[in-house]
């Protein structure tokens, strides 16, 4: 029969073991929370955020379409963007976007200034212009980035030039030339490709798009498309959910999970991206302007 001292010692050992297990579990859980792994579950959080943003847009500026009579009961407002960027601290600001398209060319300019809500004198400026020609099989992108952070200024300007030569896509950047995957698509090509797939009722697809961060490797996109529901004034819209796999020299890995809300001519009304660097970036078109394009057939789910 155990003595009282032996029972006390056994209880003390059990107590110490329990405490040690609890401490280990605490630090394990804390470490897992501190370094979250990017998963496709991020789409549910992005979609919830998107619906909250859209609910705040007045119905008077939302597009109303009468598909049955093939009429568009809508007068477009002057469009403006609002951008949100979350990176430990929240950055907010207004963005200006202008674009023009026809059957062959796509030109757009985009500029945004974001200011930190938490840090004084923290400003991020971004300007980009893009010219793409389908018949010329070429595109040129110029980006200017400048930032002020704690009294330090940093500024860069970079140019990318794409050109198709005998089917292959050639990229020139900073005096260097690389040849990309044969199936790599530029922006306007990607939009048309997605529309073509929806017309064929193919809502799961894969394609390669232009590289990121001036890498020689194209991005692998795995896309699923769903009908957008719940807004009476926003019919014929789709949610385009993409898993972006990027190769920075060590093989392709899941790098970002973008979500886009697009209309029946692939015009983006809302976009959000959750990256493996903890960055959440949102872009919403305050006035849901319907941009007509006679060269792209309207398709619906």
Protein backbone atom coordinates (compact mmCIF):
# COMPACT_ATOMS: atom_id res chain seq x y z
CA UNK A 1 0.00 0.00 0.00
CA UNK A 2 1.39 3.41 -0.93
CA UNK A 3 2.47 5.75 1.82
CA UNK A 4 1.11 9.34 1.91
CA UNK A 5 4.55 10.72 1.00
CA UNK A 6 4.77 8.46 -2.05
CA UNK A 7 1.25 9.47 -3.17
CA UNK A 8 2.18 13.13 -2.78
CA UNK A 9 5.36 12.59 -4.81
CA UNK A 10 3.44 10.83 -7.58
CA UNK A 11 0.84 13.61 -7.67
CA UNK A 12 3.60 16.21 -7.85
CA UNK A 13 5.23 14.38 -10.77
CA UNK A 14 1.90 14.21 -12.60
CA UNK A 15 1.31 17.91 -11.94
CA UNK A 16 4.76 18.83 -13.30
CA UNK A 17 4.22 16.70 -16.40
CA UNK A 18 0.83 18.36 -17.03
CA UNK A 19 2.34 21.83 -16.62
CA UNK A 20 5.20 21.00 -18.99
CA UNK A 21 2.76 19.66 -21.60
CA UNK A 22 0.62 22.81 -21.29
CA UNK A 23 3.66 25.06 -21.68
CA UNK A 24 4.87 23.14 -24.73
CA UNK A 25 1.38 23.28 -26.26
CA UNK A 26 1.14 27.02 -25.61
CA UNK A 27 4.42 27.82 -27.31
CA UNK A 28 3.65 25.41 -30.16
CA UNK A 29 0.27 27.04 -30.79
CA UNK A 30 1.80 30.50 -30.48
CA UNK A 31 4.51 29.64 -32.98
CA UNK A 32 1.93 28.29 -35.41
CA UNK A 33 -0.13 31.46 -35.07
CA UNK A 34 2.93 33.66 -35.56
CA UNK A 35 3.87 31.95 -38.82
CA UNK A 36 0.59 31.04 -40.57
CA UNK A 37 0.83 28.84 -43.62
CA UNK A 38 -0.90 30.01 -46.79
CA UNK A 39 -3.80 27.75 -47.72
CA UNK A 40 -6.71 27.98 -50.10
CA UNK A 41 -8.97 28.38 -47.03
CA UNK A 42 -8.03 32.07 -47.32
CA UNK A 43 -10.72 32.35 -50.02
CA UNK A 44 -13.53 32.15 -47.46
CA UNK A 45 -12.11 35.09 -45.51
CA UNK A 46 -11.51 37.09 -48.70
CA UNK A 47 -15.04 36.42 -49.92
CA UNK A 48 -16.52 37.56 -46.61
CA UNK A 49 -14.47 40.77 -46.78
CA UNK A 50 -15.52 41.33 -50.39
CA UNK A 51 -19.22 40.99 -49.61
CA UNK A 52 -18.88 43.45 -46.72
CA UNK A 53 -17.17 45.97 -49.00
CA UNK A 54 -19.79 45.59 -51.75
CA UNK A 55 -22.64 45.93 -49.25
CA UNK A 56 -21.32 49.41 -48.52
CA UNK A 57 -21.56 50.54 -52.14
CA UNK A 58 -24.83 52.47 -52.77
CA UNK A 59 -27.33 50.63 -54.95
CA UNK A 60 -27.63 53.75 -57.12
CA UNK A 61 -24.17 53.15 -58.59
CA UNK A 62 -24.42 49.39 -58.97
CA UNK A 63 -24.91 48.06 -62.46
CA UNK A 64 -28.45 46.99 -63.37
CA UNK A 65 -28.77 44.72 -66.39
CA UNK A 66 -31.87 43.38 -68.06
CA UNK A 67 -30.46 40.29 -69.75
CA UNK A 68 -33.81 39.03 -71.03
CA UNK A 69 -34.34 42.10 -73.19
CA UNK A 70 -30.62 42.47 -73.90
CA UNK A 71 -30.62 46.04 -72.56
CA UNK A 72 -28.39 47.74 -70.06
CA UNK A 73 -30.33 50.06 -67.77
CA UNK A 74 -27.29 51.86 -66.39
CA UNK A 75 -25.64 55.26 -66.66
CA UNK A 76 -21.97 54.91 -65.69
CA UNK A 77 -20.48 57.22 -63.10
CA UNK A 78 -16.92 58.40 -63.15
CA UNK A 79 -15.02 55.45 -61.74
CA UNK A 80 -12.58 55.65 -58.88
CA UNK A 81 -10.79 53.02 -56.86
CA UNK A 82 -10.19 52.61 -53.17
CA UNK A 83 -7.17 50.59 -52.18
CA UNK A 84 -6.42 48.94 -48.85
CA UNK A 85 -3.14 47.32 -47.92
CA UNK A 86 -2.55 45.52 -44.64
CA UNK A 87 1.02 44.79 -43.57
CA UNK A 88 1.11 44.75 -39.76
CA UNK A 89 -0.27 48.31 -39.90
CA UNK A 90 -3.21 49.38 -42.05
CA UNK A 91 -2.55 51.55 -45.11
CA UNK A 92 -5.45 53.27 -46.87
CA UNK A 93 -5.70 55.63 -49.79
CA UNK A 94 -7.43 56.50 -53.04
CA UNK A 95 -6.32 55.22 -56.40
CA UNK A 96 -6.88 56.57 -59.91
CA UNK A 97 -7.28 54.19 -62.81
CA UNK A 98 -7.82 55.00 -66.47
CA UNK A 99 -7.99 52.54 -69.32
CA UNK A 100 -8.95 52.31 -72.97
CA UNK A 101 -9.46 49.21 -75.09
CA UNK A 102 -10.46 48.31 -78.59
CA UNK A 103 -10.25 45.13 -80.64
CA UNK A 104 -6.47 45.17 -80.66
CA UNK A 105 -5.00 47.48 -78.02
CA UNK A 106 -5.13 47.84 -74.27
CA UNK A 107 -3.77 50.91 -72.54
CA UNK A 108 -4.08 51.61 -68.84
CA UNK A 109 -2.59 53.85 -66.19
CA UNK A 110 -2.89 53.22 -62.49
CA UNK A 111 -1.67 55.31 -59.57
CA UNK A 112 -2.24 55.03 -55.86
CA UNK A 113 -0.99 56.74 -52.74
CA UNK A 114 -1.33 54.87 -49.47
CA UNK A 115 -0.74 56.31 -46.02
CA UNK A 116 -0.29 54.44 -42.78
CA UNK A 117 -3.02 54.81 -40.17
CA UNK A 118 -0.53 53.96 -37.43
CA UNK A 119 2.85 55.41 -38.44
CA UNK A 120 3.40 59.11 -38.98
CA UNK A 121 4.93 60.16 -42.32
CA UNK A 122 4.69 56.64 -43.78
CA UNK A 123 3.62 57.03 -47.42
CA UNK A 124 3.65 54.58 -50.32
CA UNK A 125 3.28 55.85 -53.92
CA UNK A 126 2.82 53.52 -56.87
CA UNK A 127 2.36 54.41 -60.54
CA UNK A 128 2.17 52.03 -63.47
CA UNK A 129 1.36 52.24 -67.16
CA UNK A 130 0.79 49.40 -69.58
CA UNK A 131 0.42 49.24 -73.36
CA UNK A 132 -0.47 45.93 -74.97
CA UNK A 133 -1.10 45.13 -78.62
CA UNK A 134 -2.55 41.80 -79.74
CA UNK A 135 -1.74 42.18 -83.44
CA UNK A 136 1.74 43.42 -82.57
CA UNK A 137 2.22 40.56 -80.08
CA UNK A 138 3.92 42.89 -77.64
CA UNK A 139 3.46 44.80 -74.39
CA UNK A 140 5.38 47.35 -72.35
CA UNK A 141 4.99 48.00 -68.63
CA UNK A 142 6.54 50.87 -66.69
CA UNK A 143 6.33 51.08 -62.91
CA UNK A 144 7.43 53.81 -60.51
CA UNK A 145 7.53 53.10 -56.79
CA UNK A 146 8.46 55.56 -54.07
CA UNK A 147 8.03 55.36 -50.32
CA UNK A 148 8.68 57.43 -47.22
CA UNK A 149 9.15 55.49 -44.00
CA UNK A 150 10.49 56.95 -40.77
CA UNK A 151 12.27 59.74 -42.63
CA UNK A 152 13.84 57.47 -45.27
CA UNK A 153 12.91 57.72 -48.95
CA UNK A 154 13.25 54.93 -51.47
CA UNK A 155 12.38 55.17 -55.17
CA UNK A 156 12.65 52.79 -58.13
CA UNK A 157 11.60 52.78 -61.78
CA UNK A 158 11.51 49.60 -63.82
CA UNK A 159 10.48 48.69 -67.34
CA UNK A 160 9.43 45.37 -68.81
CA UNK A 161 9.02 44.64 -72.50
CA UNK A 162 7.26 41.52 -73.79
CA UNK A 163 7.23 40.35 -77.40
CA UNK A 164 6.07 37.15 -79.06
CA UNK A 165 8.56 35.74 -81.53
CA UNK A 166 7.51 32.62 -83.45
CA UNK A 167 5.09 31.68 -80.69
CA UNK A 168 7.55 32.03 -77.84
CA UNK A 169 7.33 34.94 -75.41
CA UNK A 170 10.46 37.04 -74.94
CA UNK A 171 10.97 39.24 -71.89
CA UNK A 172 13.47 42.12 -71.73
CA UNK A 173 14.29 43.75 -68.42
CA UNK A 174 17.31 45.75 -67.30
CA UNK A 175 19.25 44.83 -70.42
CA UNK A 176 18.64 41.09 -70.02
CA UNK A 177 16.52 38.88 -72.28
CA UNK A 178 14.82 35.62 -71.29
CA UNK A 179 12.43 33.31 -73.13
CA UNK A 180 9.29 32.33 -71.25
CA UNK A 181 6.99 29.32 -71.39
CA UNK A 182 5.21 28.94 -74.74
CA UNK A 183 1.78 29.06 -73.08
CA UNK A 184 2.47 32.23 -71.07
CA UNK A 185 -0.34 34.78 -71.45
CA UNK A 186 -0.33 38.54 -71.02
CA UNK A 187 -3.15 40.41 -69.26
CA UNK A 188 -5.50 40.96 -72.15
CA UNK A 189 -4.88 37.44 -73.42
CA UNK A 190 -5.69 36.03 -69.98
CA UNK A 191 -9.00 37.93 -69.89
CA UNK A 192 -10.01 36.60 -73.28
CA UNK A 193 -8.89 33.11 -72.36
CA UNK A 194 -11.06 33.12 -69.21
CA UNK A 195 -14.09 34.34 -71.18
CA UNK A 196 -13.59 31.65 -73.80
CA UNK A 197 -13.46 28.98 -71.11
CA UNK A 198 -16.66 30.26 -69.49
CA UNK A 199 -18.41 30.23 -72.87
CA UNK A 200 -17.47 26.55 -73.08
CA UNK A 201 -18.78 26.04 -69.52
CA UNK A 202 -15.31 25.19 -68.28
CA UNK A 203 -15.09 26.67 -64.79
CA UNK A 204 -11.84 25.00 -63.72
CA UNK A 205 -8.72 25.85 -65.69
CA UNK A 206 -4.97 26.29 -65.56
CA UNK A 207 -2.73 28.69 -67.45
CA UNK A 208 0.60 30.48 -67.19
CA UNK A 209 0.81 34.26 -66.88
CA UNK A 210 3.66 36.73 -67.08
CA UNK A 211 6.35 36.43 -64.37
CA UNK A 212 6.37 38.29 -61.09
CA UNK A 213 9.16 40.38 -59.58
CA UNK A 214 11.01 40.28 -62.91
CA UNK A 215 11.68 36.58 -62.60
CA UNK A 216 12.37 34.50 -65.66
CA UNK A 217 9.71 32.03 -64.49
CA UNK A 218 6.06 32.45 -65.48
CA UNK A 219 3.33 32.11 -62.84
CA UNK A 220 1.23 28.95 -62.80
CA UNK A 221 -2.46 29.80 -62.24
CA UNK A 222 -5.06 27.29 -61.09
CA UNK A 223 -8.47 28.91 -61.40
CA UNK A 224 -12.01 28.10 -60.29
CA UNK A 225 -14.99 30.24 -61.34
CA UNK A 226 -18.28 30.51 -59.46
CA UNK A 227 -21.44 32.54 -60.00
CA UNK A 228 -21.80 35.55 -57.70
CA UNK A 229 -25.10 35.61 -55.83
CA UNK A 230 -26.81 37.70 -53.19
CA UNK A 231 -26.91 41.14 -54.88
CA UNK A 232 -30.06 41.86 -56.92
CA UNK A 233 -28.40 44.74 -58.79
CA UNK A 234 -25.27 42.75 -59.57
CA UNK A 235 -26.27 39.84 -61.77
CA UNK A 236 -24.13 38.04 -64.30
CA UNK A 237 -21.01 38.40 -62.16
CA UNK A 238 -18.45 35.76 -61.33
CA UNK A 239 -16.01 35.05 -58.53
CA UNK A 240 -12.66 34.08 -60.00
CA UNK A 241 -10.50 32.34 -57.41
CA UNK A 242 -6.88 31.72 -58.33
CA UNK A 243 -4.04 29.83 -56.73
CA UNK A 244 -0.80 31.44 -57.91
CA UNK A 245 2.23 29.18 -57.89
CA UNK A 246 5.56 30.95 -58.31
CA UNK A 247 9.05 29.62 -58.89
CA UNK A 248 11.86 31.76 -57.50
CA UNK A 249 14.50 29.26 -58.49
CA UNK A 250 13.65 26.35 -56.20
CA UNK A 251 10.48 24.95 -57.80
CA UNK A 252 6.88 26.09 -57.86
CA UNK A 253 5.16 26.79 -54.54
CA UNK A 254 1.80 28.31 -53.63
CA UNK A 255 2.52 32.02 -53.22
CA UNK A 256 -0.80 33.89 -53.30
CA UNK A 257 -4.56 33.35 -53.39
CA UNK A 258 -6.21 36.17 -55.35
CA UNK A 259 -9.99 36.57 -55.54
CA UNK A 260 -11.64 38.69 -58.22
CA UNK A 261 -15.23 39.73 -58.87
CA UNK A 262 -15.67 40.30 -62.61
CA UNK A 263 -18.57 41.08 -64.91
CA UNK A 264 -19.52 39.37 -68.15
CA UNK A 265 -16.75 41.15 -70.07
CA UNK A 266 -14.00 40.36 -67.56
CA UNK A 267 -13.90 43.85 -66.04
CA UNK A 268 -12.67 43.61 -62.45
CA UNK A 269 -14.98 45.19 -59.89
CA UNK A 270 -13.22 43.93 -56.77
CA UNK A 271 -9.90 42.21 -56.20
CA UNK A 272 -8.14 40.95 -53.10
CA UNK A 273 -4.93 38.97 -52.69
CA UNK A 274 -3.64 37.10 -49.66
CA UNK A 275 0.06 36.34 -49.97
CA UNK A 276 2.48 34.13 -48.11
CA UNK A 277 4.24 37.29 -46.87
CA UNK A 278 1.25 38.24 -44.73
CA UNK A 279 0.18 41.00 -47.11
CA UNK A 280 -3.50 41.53 -47.83
CA UNK A 281 -4.21 43.89 -50.70
CA UNK A 282 -7.69 45.00 -51.70
CA UNK A 283 -8.95 47.03 -54.63
CA UNK A 284 -12.60 48.02 -55.07
CA UNK A 285 -14.22 49.99 -57.88
CA UNK A 286 -16.45 52.43 -55.99
CA UNK A 287 -18.68 53.07 -59.00
CA UNK A 288 -19.43 49.81 -60.77
CA UNK A 289 -18.97 51.22 -64.25
CA UNK A 290 -19.97 48.92 -67.06
CA UNK A 291 -17.36 49.15 -69.81
CA UNK A 292 -18.58 47.97 -73.19
CA UNK A 293 -16.27 46.22 -75.60
CA UNK A 294 -17.62 45.18 -78.97
CA UNK A 295 -14.77 42.73 -79.49
CA UNK A 296 -15.54 40.41 -76.57
CA UNK A 297 -18.75 38.43 -76.58
CA UNK A 298 -20.90 38.61 -73.47
CA UNK A 299 -21.10 35.26 -71.69
CA UNK A 300 -23.05 34.15 -68.64
CA UNK A 301 -23.20 31.31 -66.16
